[in-house]
N, C-alpha and C. Protein backbone atom coordinates (compact mmCIF):
# COMPACT_ATOMS: atom_id res chain seq x y z
N MET A 1 0.80 -1.19 0.00
CA MET A 1 0.00 0.00 0.00
C MET A 1 0.85 1.26 0.00
N ARG A 2 1.87 1.24 0.80
CA ARG A 2 2.69 2.43 0.93
C ARG A 2 3.32 2.82 -0.42
N ASN A 3 3.77 1.84 -1.21
CA ASN A 3 4.38 2.11 -2.52
C ASN A 3 3.41 2.77 -3.47
N LYS A 4 2.15 2.34 -3.46
CA LYS A 4 1.16 2.96 -4.34
C LYS A 4 0.95 4.42 -3.97
N SER A 5 0.90 4.69 -2.70
CA SER A 5 0.72 6.06 -2.20
C SER A 5 1.89 6.94 -2.66
N LYS A 6 3.09 6.41 -2.54
CA LYS A 6 4.28 7.15 -2.94
C LYS A 6 4.28 7.40 -4.45
N LEU A 7 3.89 6.40 -5.22
CA LEU A 7 3.82 6.54 -6.68
C LEU A 7 2.82 7.62 -7.09
N THR A 8 1.66 7.65 -6.40
CA THR A 8 0.66 8.67 -6.67
C THR A 8 1.22 10.06 -6.39
N LYS A 9 1.95 10.24 -5.30
CA LYS A 9 2.54 11.54 -4.97
C LYS A 9 3.55 11.96 -6.03
N ILE A 10 4.35 11.03 -6.50
CA ILE A 10 5.36 11.34 -7.52
C ILE A 10 4.66 11.80 -8.80
N LYS A 11 3.60 11.09 -9.20
CA LYS A 11 2.86 11.48 -10.41
C LYS A 11 2.25 12.86 -10.27
N LYS A 12 1.71 13.18 -9.10
CA LYS A 12 1.07 14.48 -8.89
C LYS A 12 2.09 15.61 -8.90
N ASN A 13 3.27 15.37 -8.34
CA ASN A 13 4.28 16.42 -8.22
C ASN A 13 5.10 16.60 -9.49
N LYS A 14 5.03 15.64 -10.40
CA LYS A 14 5.80 15.72 -11.60
C LYS A 14 5.24 16.84 -12.51
N ALA A 15 6.09 17.74 -12.93
CA ALA A 15 5.65 18.86 -13.78
C ALA A 15 5.27 18.33 -15.15
N PRO A 16 4.21 18.89 -15.75
CA PRO A 16 3.83 18.43 -17.10
C PRO A 16 4.92 18.77 -18.10
N GLN A 17 5.23 17.83 -18.94
CA GLN A 17 6.27 18.03 -19.93
C GLN A 17 5.69 18.72 -21.16
N THR A 18 6.34 19.78 -21.60
CA THR A 18 5.89 20.49 -22.77
C THR A 18 6.15 19.63 -24.00
N GLN A 19 5.15 19.50 -24.82
CA GLN A 19 5.28 18.71 -26.03
C GLN A 19 5.89 19.58 -27.12
N ILE A 20 6.95 19.11 -27.69
CA ILE A 20 7.59 19.81 -28.82
C ILE A 20 6.99 19.21 -30.09
N PRO A 21 6.36 20.05 -30.91
CA PRO A 21 5.78 19.52 -32.14
C PRO A 21 6.84 19.10 -33.15
N LYS A 22 6.50 18.14 -33.95
CA LYS A 22 7.35 17.71 -35.06
C LYS A 22 7.20 18.67 -36.23
N ASP A 23 5.98 19.19 -36.41
CA ASP A 23 5.68 20.07 -37.55
C ASP A 23 5.56 21.52 -37.11
N TRP A 24 6.23 22.37 -37.87
CA TRP A 24 6.28 23.81 -37.59
C TRP A 24 5.93 24.57 -38.86
N LEU A 25 5.69 25.86 -38.70
CA LEU A 25 5.51 26.78 -39.82
C LEU A 25 6.52 27.91 -39.65
N TYR A 26 7.22 28.25 -40.72
CA TYR A 26 8.06 29.45 -40.71
C TYR A 26 7.27 30.50 -41.48
N MET A 27 6.89 31.56 -40.79
CA MET A 27 6.09 32.62 -41.39
C MET A 27 6.93 33.89 -41.50
N CYS A 28 6.92 34.47 -42.68
CA CYS A 28 7.76 35.63 -42.96
C CYS A 28 6.90 36.75 -43.55
N GLN A 29 7.20 37.98 -43.16
CA GLN A 29 6.42 39.12 -43.64
C GLN A 29 6.91 39.65 -44.98
N MET A 30 7.84 38.97 -45.61
CA MET A 30 8.30 39.37 -46.94
C MET A 30 8.31 38.16 -47.87
N GLU A 31 8.35 38.43 -49.16
CA GLU A 31 8.44 37.34 -50.14
C GLU A 31 9.87 36.79 -50.07
N LEU A 32 10.03 35.62 -49.56
CA LEU A 32 11.34 35.03 -49.32
C LEU A 32 11.43 33.71 -50.08
N GLU A 33 12.53 33.52 -50.77
CA GLU A 33 12.77 32.28 -51.49
C GLU A 33 13.57 31.31 -50.62
N LEU A 34 13.35 30.04 -50.82
CA LEU A 34 14.05 29.01 -50.06
C LEU A 34 15.57 29.11 -50.21
N GLY A 35 16.02 29.55 -51.38
CA GLY A 35 17.46 29.71 -51.60
C GLY A 35 18.10 30.72 -50.66
N LYS A 36 17.34 31.73 -50.24
CA LYS A 36 17.86 32.73 -49.28
C LYS A 36 18.02 32.13 -47.89
N ILE A 37 17.14 31.23 -47.53
CA ILE A 37 17.29 30.52 -46.25
C ILE A 37 18.53 29.66 -46.29
N LYS A 38 18.74 28.98 -47.42
CA LYS A 38 19.93 28.16 -47.64
C LYS A 38 21.19 29.00 -47.45
N GLU A 39 21.23 30.18 -48.07
CA GLU A 39 22.39 31.07 -47.98
C GLU A 39 22.68 31.48 -46.54
N ALA A 40 21.65 31.68 -45.76
CA ALA A 40 21.82 32.10 -44.36
C ALA A 40 22.41 31.00 -43.49
N LEU A 41 22.23 29.75 -43.91
CA LEU A 41 22.62 28.62 -43.06
C LEU A 41 23.82 27.83 -43.54
N GLU A 42 24.18 27.96 -44.83
CA GLU A 42 25.18 27.06 -45.41
C GLU A 42 26.58 27.21 -44.83
N ALA A 43 26.92 28.32 -44.21
CA ALA A 43 28.25 28.47 -43.61
C ALA A 43 28.37 27.64 -42.34
N ASP A 44 27.25 27.38 -41.67
CA ASP A 44 27.27 26.70 -40.37
C ASP A 44 26.76 25.26 -40.39
N TYR A 45 26.09 24.87 -41.46
CA TYR A 45 25.45 23.56 -41.51
C TYR A 45 25.67 22.88 -42.84
N SER A 46 25.59 21.56 -42.82
CA SER A 46 25.59 20.78 -44.05
C SER A 46 24.16 20.80 -44.57
N ILE A 47 24.01 21.10 -45.86
CA ILE A 47 22.69 21.34 -46.42
C ILE A 47 22.49 20.55 -47.71
N GLU A 48 21.28 20.04 -47.87
CA GLU A 48 20.83 19.46 -49.14
C GLU A 48 19.71 20.36 -49.63
N PHE A 49 19.79 20.80 -50.89
CA PHE A 49 18.80 21.74 -51.43
C PHE A 49 18.29 21.23 -52.77
N TRP A 50 17.00 21.01 -52.84
CA TRP A 50 16.36 20.60 -54.08
C TRP A 50 15.44 21.73 -54.51
N GLU A 51 15.99 22.65 -55.30
CA GLU A 51 15.28 23.86 -55.67
C GLU A 51 13.97 23.56 -56.40
N GLU A 52 14.02 22.69 -57.38
CA GLU A 52 12.81 22.38 -58.16
C GLU A 52 11.71 21.76 -57.31
N ALA A 53 12.08 20.98 -56.34
CA ALA A 53 11.10 20.35 -55.45
C ALA A 53 10.65 21.29 -54.32
N GLY A 54 11.42 22.36 -54.14
CA GLY A 54 11.09 23.30 -53.06
C GLY A 54 11.37 22.74 -51.68
N VAL A 55 12.51 22.02 -51.55
CA VAL A 55 12.86 21.37 -50.28
C VAL A 55 14.30 21.71 -49.90
N LEU A 56 14.48 22.02 -48.61
CA LEU A 56 15.79 22.30 -48.03
C LEU A 56 15.94 21.47 -46.78
N GLU A 57 17.04 20.71 -46.70
CA GLU A 57 17.31 19.87 -45.54
C GLU A 57 18.57 20.38 -44.86
N VAL A 58 18.46 20.75 -43.60
CA VAL A 58 19.59 21.23 -42.83
C VAL A 58 19.96 20.15 -41.82
N GLU A 59 21.14 19.54 -42.00
CA GLU A 59 21.54 18.43 -41.13
C GLU A 59 22.01 18.96 -39.79
N LEU A 60 21.61 18.25 -38.72
CA LEU A 60 21.99 18.61 -37.36
C LEU A 60 23.08 17.66 -36.87
N GLN A 61 23.87 18.12 -35.93
CA GLN A 61 24.96 17.33 -35.40
C GLN A 61 24.56 16.48 -34.21
N ALA A 62 23.63 16.97 -33.41
CA ALA A 62 23.31 16.36 -32.12
C ALA A 62 22.77 14.94 -32.22
N LYS A 63 21.88 14.70 -33.14
CA LYS A 63 21.24 13.39 -33.24
C LYS A 63 21.50 12.82 -34.63
N GLU A 64 21.76 11.53 -34.65
CA GLU A 64 22.01 10.87 -35.93
C GLU A 64 20.77 10.98 -36.81
N SER A 65 20.96 11.36 -38.03
CA SER A 65 19.93 11.54 -39.04
C SER A 65 18.85 12.56 -38.67
N ALA A 66 19.19 13.49 -37.78
CA ALA A 66 18.25 14.56 -37.44
C ALA A 66 18.49 15.74 -38.37
N SER A 67 17.42 16.40 -38.72
CA SER A 67 17.54 17.56 -39.61
C SER A 67 16.37 18.51 -39.38
N VAL A 68 16.52 19.69 -39.94
CA VAL A 68 15.42 20.65 -40.01
C VAL A 68 15.08 20.72 -41.49
N ASP A 69 13.87 20.32 -41.83
CA ASP A 69 13.47 20.25 -43.23
C ASP A 69 12.46 21.36 -43.53
N PHE A 70 12.79 22.17 -44.54
CA PHE A 70 11.92 23.25 -45.01
C PHE A 70 11.27 22.80 -46.31
N GLU A 71 10.00 23.13 -46.46
CA GLU A 71 9.30 22.81 -47.69
C GLU A 71 8.45 24.00 -48.11
N THR A 72 8.59 24.38 -49.36
CA THR A 72 7.79 25.48 -49.91
C THR A 72 6.33 25.00 -50.01
N VAL A 73 5.42 25.87 -49.68
CA VAL A 73 4.00 25.49 -49.73
C VAL A 73 3.18 26.66 -50.28
N ASP A 74 2.12 26.32 -51.01
CA ASP A 74 1.20 27.32 -51.53
C ASP A 74 0.12 27.54 -50.50
N MET A 75 0.18 28.67 -49.80
CA MET A 75 -0.79 28.92 -48.73
C MET A 75 -2.10 29.50 -49.23
N LYS A 76 -2.27 29.60 -50.52
CA LYS A 76 -3.57 30.04 -51.03
C LYS A 76 -4.65 29.02 -50.69
N ARG A 77 -4.22 27.80 -50.41
CA ARG A 77 -5.15 26.74 -50.06
C ARG A 77 -5.18 26.47 -48.56
N ALA A 78 -4.74 27.45 -47.76
CA ALA A 78 -4.70 27.28 -46.31
C ALA A 78 -6.11 27.25 -45.73
N ASP A 79 -6.23 26.57 -44.61
CA ASP A 79 -7.52 26.55 -43.94
C ASP A 79 -7.85 27.95 -43.41
N GLU A 80 -9.08 28.18 -43.03
CA GLU A 80 -9.53 29.50 -42.62
C GLU A 80 -8.77 30.04 -41.42
N VAL A 81 -8.50 29.20 -40.44
CA VAL A 81 -7.81 29.64 -39.23
C VAL A 81 -6.39 30.11 -39.57
N THR A 82 -5.67 29.32 -40.37
CA THR A 82 -4.31 29.68 -40.77
C THR A 82 -4.33 30.94 -41.62
N ALA A 83 -5.26 31.03 -42.56
CA ALA A 83 -5.35 32.22 -43.42
C ALA A 83 -5.60 33.47 -42.60
N GLU A 84 -6.46 33.38 -41.61
CA GLU A 84 -6.74 34.55 -40.75
C GLU A 84 -5.51 34.91 -39.91
N TYR A 85 -4.82 33.91 -39.40
CA TYR A 85 -3.59 34.15 -38.62
C TYR A 85 -2.54 34.83 -39.48
N MET A 86 -2.41 34.38 -40.73
CA MET A 86 -1.45 35.00 -41.65
C MET A 86 -1.82 36.46 -41.90
N LYS A 87 -3.08 36.71 -42.11
CA LYS A 87 -3.55 38.09 -42.37
C LYS A 87 -3.29 38.98 -41.15
N THR A 88 -3.62 38.50 -39.98
CA THR A 88 -3.41 39.26 -38.74
C THR A 88 -1.95 39.60 -38.52
N ASN A 89 -1.05 38.70 -38.92
CA ASN A 89 0.38 38.90 -38.69
C ASN A 89 1.14 39.38 -39.93
N ALA A 90 0.40 39.82 -40.95
CA ALA A 90 0.98 40.36 -42.19
C ALA A 90 1.98 39.39 -42.84
N VAL A 91 1.68 38.11 -42.80
CA VAL A 91 2.55 37.07 -43.34
C VAL A 91 2.35 36.98 -44.84
N LYS A 92 3.47 37.01 -45.58
CA LYS A 92 3.41 36.88 -47.03
C LYS A 92 3.93 35.55 -47.53
N ARG A 93 4.75 34.89 -46.71
CA ARG A 93 5.36 33.63 -47.15
C ARG A 93 5.38 32.63 -46.00
N VAL A 94 5.05 31.39 -46.30
CA VAL A 94 5.04 30.34 -45.29
C VAL A 94 5.79 29.12 -45.82
N PHE A 95 6.59 28.53 -44.96
CA PHE A 95 7.28 27.28 -45.26
C PHE A 95 6.87 26.26 -44.21
N LEU A 96 6.63 25.04 -44.64
CA LEU A 96 6.41 23.94 -43.70
C LEU A 96 7.77 23.49 -43.22
N VAL A 97 7.89 23.25 -41.93
CA VAL A 97 9.18 22.87 -41.32
C VAL A 97 8.96 21.63 -40.47
N SER A 98 9.83 20.64 -40.62
CA SER A 98 9.76 19.42 -39.82
C SER A 98 11.05 19.22 -39.05
N ILE A 99 10.93 18.80 -37.81
CA ILE A 99 12.10 18.50 -36.98
C ILE A 99 11.84 17.20 -36.24
N ARG A 100 12.90 16.66 -35.66
CA ARG A 100 12.75 15.54 -34.71
C ARG A 100 12.68 16.19 -33.34
N PRO A 101 11.59 16.02 -32.61
CA PRO A 101 11.43 16.68 -31.31
C PRO A 101 12.60 16.44 -30.35
N GLU A 102 13.22 15.26 -30.41
CA GLU A 102 14.34 14.99 -29.52
C GLU A 102 15.59 15.81 -29.87
N ALA A 103 15.62 16.41 -31.04
CA ALA A 103 16.73 17.28 -31.45
C ALA A 103 16.32 18.75 -31.42
N TYR A 104 15.27 19.06 -30.62
CA TYR A 104 14.72 20.41 -30.61
C TYR A 104 15.73 21.50 -30.30
N GLU A 105 16.58 21.29 -29.30
CA GLU A 105 17.51 22.35 -28.90
C GLU A 105 18.41 22.78 -30.05
N GLU A 106 18.93 21.85 -30.80
CA GLU A 106 19.78 22.21 -31.94
C GLU A 106 18.93 22.77 -33.09
N ALA A 107 17.76 22.20 -33.30
CA ALA A 107 16.86 22.73 -34.35
C ALA A 107 16.46 24.16 -34.05
N LYS A 108 16.27 24.44 -32.78
CA LYS A 108 15.90 25.79 -32.35
C LYS A 108 17.00 26.79 -32.77
N LYS A 109 18.25 26.41 -32.69
CA LYS A 109 19.35 27.30 -33.10
C LYS A 109 19.27 27.60 -34.59
N VAL A 110 18.90 26.61 -35.40
CA VAL A 110 18.70 26.83 -36.84
C VAL A 110 17.58 27.84 -37.03
N MET A 111 16.47 27.63 -36.36
CA MET A 111 15.32 28.53 -36.49
C MET A 111 15.68 29.96 -36.06
N GLU A 112 16.40 30.07 -34.96
CA GLU A 112 16.79 31.40 -34.47
C GLU A 112 17.69 32.12 -35.48
N LYS A 113 18.58 31.38 -36.12
CA LYS A 113 19.46 31.97 -37.13
C LYS A 113 18.64 32.49 -38.31
N VAL A 114 17.66 31.72 -38.76
CA VAL A 114 16.81 32.15 -39.88
C VAL A 114 16.05 33.42 -39.50
N VAL A 115 15.49 33.46 -38.30
CA VAL A 115 14.77 34.65 -37.84
C VAL A 115 15.69 35.85 -37.73
N LEU A 116 16.90 35.64 -37.24
CA LEU A 116 17.87 36.73 -37.13
C LEU A 116 18.18 37.33 -38.49
N VAL A 117 18.37 36.50 -39.49
CA VAL A 117 18.75 36.96 -40.83
C VAL A 117 17.56 37.48 -41.63
N HIS A 118 16.43 36.79 -41.57
CA HIS A 118 15.30 37.11 -42.46
C HIS A 118 14.05 37.62 -41.76
N GLY A 119 14.07 37.66 -40.43
CA GLY A 119 12.87 38.10 -39.71
C GLY A 119 11.82 37.00 -39.69
N GLY A 120 10.60 37.41 -39.41
CA GLY A 120 9.52 36.44 -39.32
C GLY A 120 9.58 35.66 -38.03
N PHE A 121 8.93 34.50 -38.00
CA PHE A 121 8.88 33.69 -36.81
C PHE A 121 8.51 32.26 -37.15
N PHE A 122 8.86 31.37 -36.26
CA PHE A 122 8.48 29.96 -36.36
C PHE A 122 7.40 29.71 -35.33
N CYS A 123 6.40 28.94 -35.72
CA CYS A 123 5.37 28.56 -34.76
C CYS A 123 5.00 27.11 -34.99
N GLY A 124 4.57 26.47 -33.91
CA GLY A 124 4.13 25.10 -34.04
C GLY A 124 2.94 25.01 -34.96
N ASP A 125 2.90 23.97 -35.77
CA ASP A 125 1.75 23.73 -36.64
C ASP A 125 0.69 23.04 -35.78
N THR A 126 0.16 23.86 -34.85
CA THR A 126 -0.80 23.38 -33.87
C THR A 126 -2.03 24.29 -33.92
N GLU A 127 -3.06 23.94 -33.17
CA GLU A 127 -4.29 24.73 -33.15
C GLU A 127 -4.06 26.15 -32.67
N ASP A 128 -3.13 26.36 -31.73
CA ASP A 128 -2.89 27.68 -31.17
C ASP A 128 -1.57 28.30 -31.66
N PHE A 129 -0.93 27.68 -32.66
CA PHE A 129 0.32 28.15 -33.25
C PHE A 129 1.43 28.31 -32.21
N LEU A 130 1.43 27.45 -31.21
CA LEU A 130 2.45 27.48 -30.17
C LEU A 130 3.15 26.12 -30.15
N PRO A 131 4.39 26.09 -29.72
CA PRO A 131 5.25 27.18 -29.25
C PRO A 131 5.67 28.09 -30.41
N MET A 132 6.32 29.19 -30.05
CA MET A 132 6.74 30.16 -31.05
C MET A 132 8.19 30.55 -30.82
N ILE A 133 8.91 30.75 -31.92
CA ILE A 133 10.30 31.22 -31.87
C ILE A 133 10.36 32.49 -32.68
N LYS A 134 10.68 33.60 -32.02
CA LYS A 134 10.77 34.91 -32.71
C LYS A 134 12.19 35.40 -32.72
C-alpha cells in the first residue's frame, strides 16, 4: 500500500512536460525564397537543397539523421484559421518545417538563425500556433 501512495505523490508532483511539435511553420512578412534561407545557413550547416522540389534539408549534429526540413508550400489553399492568422500577422510567405522533437535544442538554433537573418517567426503547426520562436 505504501508504494502505491508514494507513486501517486510522484505522479502528482511531476511537472507536465511540454510537447515539442514535429511540424512547424516558418512565417515571414516578406516574399522570401528558399534559396535565401539556404544562404543564411550554409556556412554553419551541411545542407541538401532541391530547388525544383522546393525542399531544403539542414543536417543537425546532435542526433544521428536529425535535420530541419523546409518545404515550400502554396498557402492560397490554407484553412480559414491559418489564413486569418497569416492576415493578422501580415505574413506573405510560409514554409512547412519538420524537426525531430528529440533534437529540438539544436533545431531551435537553426530557427533562431533564420529569424535573425530574415525576420519572421516559427510557430508550431498546432491549433494555437504554439510554441513560437521569434
